[in-house]
Amino acid sequence: MTLPEEPNTAQKAALARLSKLHGSAFDTAYIKEMKTDHKNDVAAFKKESTAGQDTDVQGFATRTLPIVDSHYQLLLKI
């Protein structure tokens, strides 16, 4: 697996949007971004834990999914 050396286009756009904000506007936008990211992460971890082809990666996804999901659940309360 090759890890990216820099943020992708969507991540760069999010950084640009967030870097222009301050105070409560930043907080609100940041939490919205984190909710979206965590929702996508939960879906990816679920998929990998049930349909993954590599048993080591599948095991990692299965063990880590509850942690990622708990973070997402906390974000939904904000």
Protein backbone atom coordinates (compact mmCIF):
# COMPACT_ATOMS: atom_id res chain seq x y z
CA MET A 1 0.00 0.00 0.00
CA THR A 2 1.33 3.40 -0.94
CA LEU A 3 0.33 6.23 1.35
CA PRO A 4 -0.42 9.65 -0.13
CA GLU A 5 2.29 12.26 0.23
CA GLU A 6 -0.12 15.19 0.40
CA PRO A 7 -3.81 15.93 0.96
CA ASN A 8 -6.18 15.13 -1.90
CA THR A 9 -8.23 17.77 -3.72
CA ALA A 10 -11.23 17.51 -1.37
CA GLN A 11 -8.99 17.76 1.70
CA LYS A 12 -7.23 20.81 0.27
CA ALA A 13 -10.62 22.45 -0.42
CA ALA A 14 -11.77 21.76 3.15
CA LEU A 15 -8.56 23.25 4.51
CA ALA A 16 -9.02 26.35 2.35
CA ARG A 17 -12.63 26.77 3.57
CA LEU A 18 -11.78 26.23 7.22
CA SER A 19 -8.70 28.46 7.17
CA LYS A 20 -10.89 31.46 6.32
CA LEU A 21 -13.13 30.98 9.36
CA HIS A 22 -12.74 31.97 12.99
CA GLY A 23 -14.54 31.48 16.29
CA SER A 24 -17.94 29.80 16.28
CA ALA A 25 -18.11 29.82 12.46
CA PHE A 26 -14.94 27.71 12.39
CA ASP A 27 -16.24 25.41 15.13
CA THR A 28 -19.51 24.80 13.31
CA ALA A 29 -17.84 24.15 9.94
CA TYR A 30 -15.17 21.93 11.50
CA ILE A 31 -17.74 19.76 13.30
CA LYS A 32 -19.75 19.45 10.08
CA GLU A 33 -16.59 18.34 8.26
CA MET A 34 -15.78 15.81 11.00
CA LYS A 35 -19.32 14.38 10.91
CA THR A 36 -19.04 13.81 7.16
CA ASP A 37 -15.55 12.31 7.44
CA HIS A 38 -16.50 9.97 10.27
CA LYS A 39 -19.69 8.86 8.52
CA ASN A 40 -17.60 7.93 5.47
CA ASP A 41 -14.98 6.26 7.65
CA VAL A 42 -17.59 4.12 9.44
CA ALA A 43 -18.95 2.98 6.06
CA ALA A 44 -15.46 2.13 4.79
CA PHE A 45 -14.53 0.23 7.95
CA LYS A 46 -17.81 -1.72 7.84
CA LYS A 47 -17.23 -2.65 4.22
CA GLU A 48 -13.65 -3.73 4.85
CA SER A 49 -14.59 -5.70 7.97
CA THR A 50 -17.16 -7.75 6.07
CA ALA A 51 -15.81 -7.89 2.51
CA GLY A 52 -12.09 -7.28 2.85
CA GLN A 53 -9.75 -9.45 0.81
CA ASP A 54 -6.71 -9.17 3.10
CA THR A 55 -7.29 -10.93 6.43
CA ASP A 56 -4.92 -8.64 8.33
CA VAL A 57 -6.62 -5.50 7.03
CA GLN A 58 -10.03 -7.05 7.58
CA GLY A 59 -9.10 -7.85 11.18
CA PHE A 60 -7.84 -4.32 11.75
CA ALA A 61 -11.07 -2.89 10.35
CA THR A 62 -13.16 -5.19 12.53
CA ARG A 63 -11.23 -4.27 15.69
CA THR A 64 -11.15 -0.55 14.91
CA LEU A 65 -14.73 -0.06 13.70
CA PRO A 66 -16.21 0.27 17.21
CA ILE A 67 -13.76 3.07 18.01
CA VAL A 68 -14.46 4.99 14.80
CA ASP A 69 -18.20 4.50 15.26
CA SER A 70 -18.07 5.71 18.86
CA HIS A 71 -16.32 8.89 17.70
CA TYR A 72 -19.02 9.36 15.07
CA GLN A 73 -21.79 8.84 17.63
CA LEU A 74 -20.21 11.50 19.87
CA LEU A 75 -20.08 13.93 16.96
CA LEU A 76 -23.77 13.37 16.25
CA LYS A 77 -24.56 14.67 19.74
CA ILE A 78 -22.97 18.05 18.97
